[in-house]
Protein backbone atom coordinates (compact mmCIF):
# COMPACT_ATOMS: atom_id res chain seq x y z
CA MET A 1 0.00 0.00 0.00
CA ILE A 2 1.25 3.48 -0.88
CA PRO A 3 1.75 5.81 2.12
CA GLN A 4 -0.66 8.74 2.30
CA THR A 5 2.12 11.34 1.95
CA GLU A 6 3.31 9.86 -1.34
CA ARG A 7 -0.26 9.62 -2.63
CA ASN A 8 -0.93 13.29 -1.83
CA ALA A 9 2.37 14.36 -3.42
CA SER A 10 1.40 12.45 -6.56
CA ARG A 11 -2.01 14.13 -6.59
CA ARG A 12 -0.37 17.55 -6.24
CA ARG A 13 1.88 16.84 -9.24
CA VAL A 14 -1.15 15.86 -11.33
CA HIS A 15 -2.99 18.98 -10.16
CA THR A 16 -0.05 21.19 -11.14
CA ARG A 17 -0.05 19.59 -14.59
CA ILE A 18 -3.79 20.23 -14.95
CA ARG A 19 -3.43 23.84 -13.80
CA ARG A 20 -0.93 24.57 -16.57
CA LYS A 21 -3.71 23.95 -19.07
CA ILE A 22 -6.77 25.58 -17.51
CA ARG A 23 -7.46 29.12 -16.32
CA GLY A 24 -10.57 30.67 -14.85
CA THR A 25 -11.81 34.02 -16.14
CA SER A 26 -14.54 36.35 -14.91
CA GLU A 27 -16.89 35.05 -17.64
CA ARG A 28 -15.94 31.41 -17.06
CA PRO A 29 -14.41 30.81 -13.60
CA ARG A 30 -12.65 27.62 -12.54
CA LEU A 31 -14.68 25.19 -10.42
CA ASN A 32 -12.04 23.84 -8.07
CA VAL A 33 -12.75 20.78 -5.90
CA TYR A 34 -10.85 19.67 -2.81
CA ARG A 35 -11.66 16.38 -1.13
CA SER A 36 -10.55 15.61 2.40
CA LEU A 37 -11.34 12.53 4.44
CA ASN A 38 -14.33 14.10 6.20
CA HIS A 39 -15.36 17.01 3.96
CA ILE A 40 -15.58 18.20 0.37
CA TYR A 41 -14.99 21.79 -0.72
CA ALA A 42 -15.84 23.56 -3.98
CA GLN A 43 -15.07 27.09 -5.12
CA LEU A 44 -15.42 29.15 -8.26
CA ILE A 45 -12.17 31.04 -8.83
CA ASP A 46 -11.41 33.90 -11.21
CA ASP A 47 -7.70 33.34 -11.87
CA MET A 48 -7.29 36.64 -13.72
CA SER A 49 -8.09 38.67 -10.61
CA GLY A 50 -7.15 35.95 -8.10
CA ALA A 51 -10.54 36.12 -6.39
CA THR A 52 -12.96 33.47 -5.21
CA VAL A 53 -16.37 34.19 -6.71
CA VAL A 54 -18.42 31.59 -4.79
CA ALA A 55 -17.60 28.80 -2.32
CA ALA A 56 -19.45 25.90 -0.68
CA SER A 57 -18.39 23.05 1.56
CA THR A 58 -19.70 20.44 3.95
CA ALA A 59 -17.65 22.12 6.69
CA GLU A 60 -19.99 25.16 6.71
CA GLY A 61 -21.97 23.63 9.55
CA LYS A 62 -25.39 23.35 7.88
CA LYS A 63 -27.64 20.40 8.61
CA PRO A 64 -26.97 17.43 6.31
CA GLU A 65 -29.57 16.48 3.73
CA LYS A 66 -31.30 13.13 3.76
CA GLY A 67 -28.84 10.28 3.24
CA ALA A 68 -25.82 12.50 3.93
CA LYS A 69 -23.54 11.95 6.89
CA LYS A 70 -22.85 14.81 9.26
CA THR A 71 -19.22 15.04 8.15
CA GLY A 72 -19.68 15.08 4.40
CA GLY A 73 -17.32 12.27 3.46
CA ASN A 74 -19.86 10.53 1.24
CA VAL A 75 -21.45 10.76 -2.21
CA ALA A 76 -24.77 12.18 -0.96
CA SER A 77 -22.98 15.12 0.64
CA ALA A 78 -20.95 15.70 -2.53
CA LYS A 79 -24.19 15.87 -4.54
CA ALA A 80 -25.61 18.40 -2.09
CA ILE A 81 -22.50 20.59 -2.40
CA GLY A 82 -22.61 20.34 -6.22
CA LYS A 83 -26.20 21.60 -6.21
CA LEU A 84 -25.38 24.31 -3.67
CA ILE A 85 -22.36 25.66 -5.61
CA ALA A 86 -24.45 25.74 -8.81
CA ASP A 87 -27.26 27.64 -7.10
CA ARG A 88 -24.83 30.17 -5.63
CA ALA A 89 -23.10 30.56 -9.00
CA LYS A 90 -26.38 31.21 -10.78
CA ALA A 91 -27.23 33.83 -8.14
CA LYS A 92 -23.95 35.60 -9.07
CA GLY A 93 -24.76 35.34 -12.78
CA VAL A 94 -22.29 32.57 -13.63
CA LYS A 95 -23.52 29.83 -15.97
CA GLN A 96 -20.35 28.44 -17.54
CA VAL A 97 -17.32 27.15 -15.63
CA VAL A 98 -14.09 25.24 -16.23
CA PHE A 99 -13.95 22.08 -14.09
CA ASP A 100 -10.76 21.50 -12.08
CA ARG A 101 -10.83 18.08 -10.45
CA GLY A 102 -7.84 18.96 -8.29
CA GLY A 103 -5.73 15.99 -9.32
CA TYR A 104 -8.30 13.49 -8.08
CA LEU A 105 -9.71 10.76 -10.30
CA TYR A 106 -13.06 11.65 -11.87
CA HIS A 107 -14.84 9.05 -9.77
CA GLY A 108 -16.95 8.79 -6.64
CA ARG A 109 -17.43 12.05 -4.73
CA ILE A 110 -15.75 14.19 -7.44
CA LYS A 111 -18.03 12.78 -10.16
CA ALA A 112 -21.10 13.12 -7.92
CA LEU A 113 -20.34 16.79 -7.26
CA ALA A 114 -19.77 17.50 -10.97
CA ASP A 115 -22.94 15.69 -12.07
CA ALA A 116 -25.06 17.50 -9.45
CA ALA A 117 -23.64 20.87 -10.52
CA ARG A 118 -24.47 20.07 -14.16
CA GLU A 119 -28.01 19.01 -13.25
CA ALA A 120 -28.48 22.26 -11.29
CA GLY A 121 -27.60 24.33 -14.35
CA LEU A 122 -23.83 24.84 -14.58
CA GLU A 123 -22.30 24.20 -18.00
CA PHE A 124 -18.88 22.55 -18.33
C-alpha cells in the first residue's frame, strides 16, 4: 500500500499539470474541488483577478440532507455541495465554468459533485 504522503504528493503533481492547461476568467471561472477525508470543498475562482467568486463546503456547519452523513465524506454530501455551488453561482450570474478536479480521479465524490452541478444548471 502506498503511504498517504506519497499519494498526496502524486495528486499535487497531477494537479499542477492540470493547472498549466486551464485558467478561470470572470466570464468562465474555474470550479475547483478539494476532497478531504471528512469534507468536500468547492469554489469558483477567477484566476485573472485571483478572487474566489463563490464557495461551498460540507464544513460550513449546515444540517446534512437526507442520506448525507454529518461530516460530508460521502457521495450524498458531494451531490448536495454540487447543487449548492451551482445555485450560488447562478445567483452571481455565472452559468459556464471550467472544471478543475484537483488531481483526483473523476470518480466517486468528485463525479457526484460535478454531475449534481451540471443538473443544477452549470455548463462545463
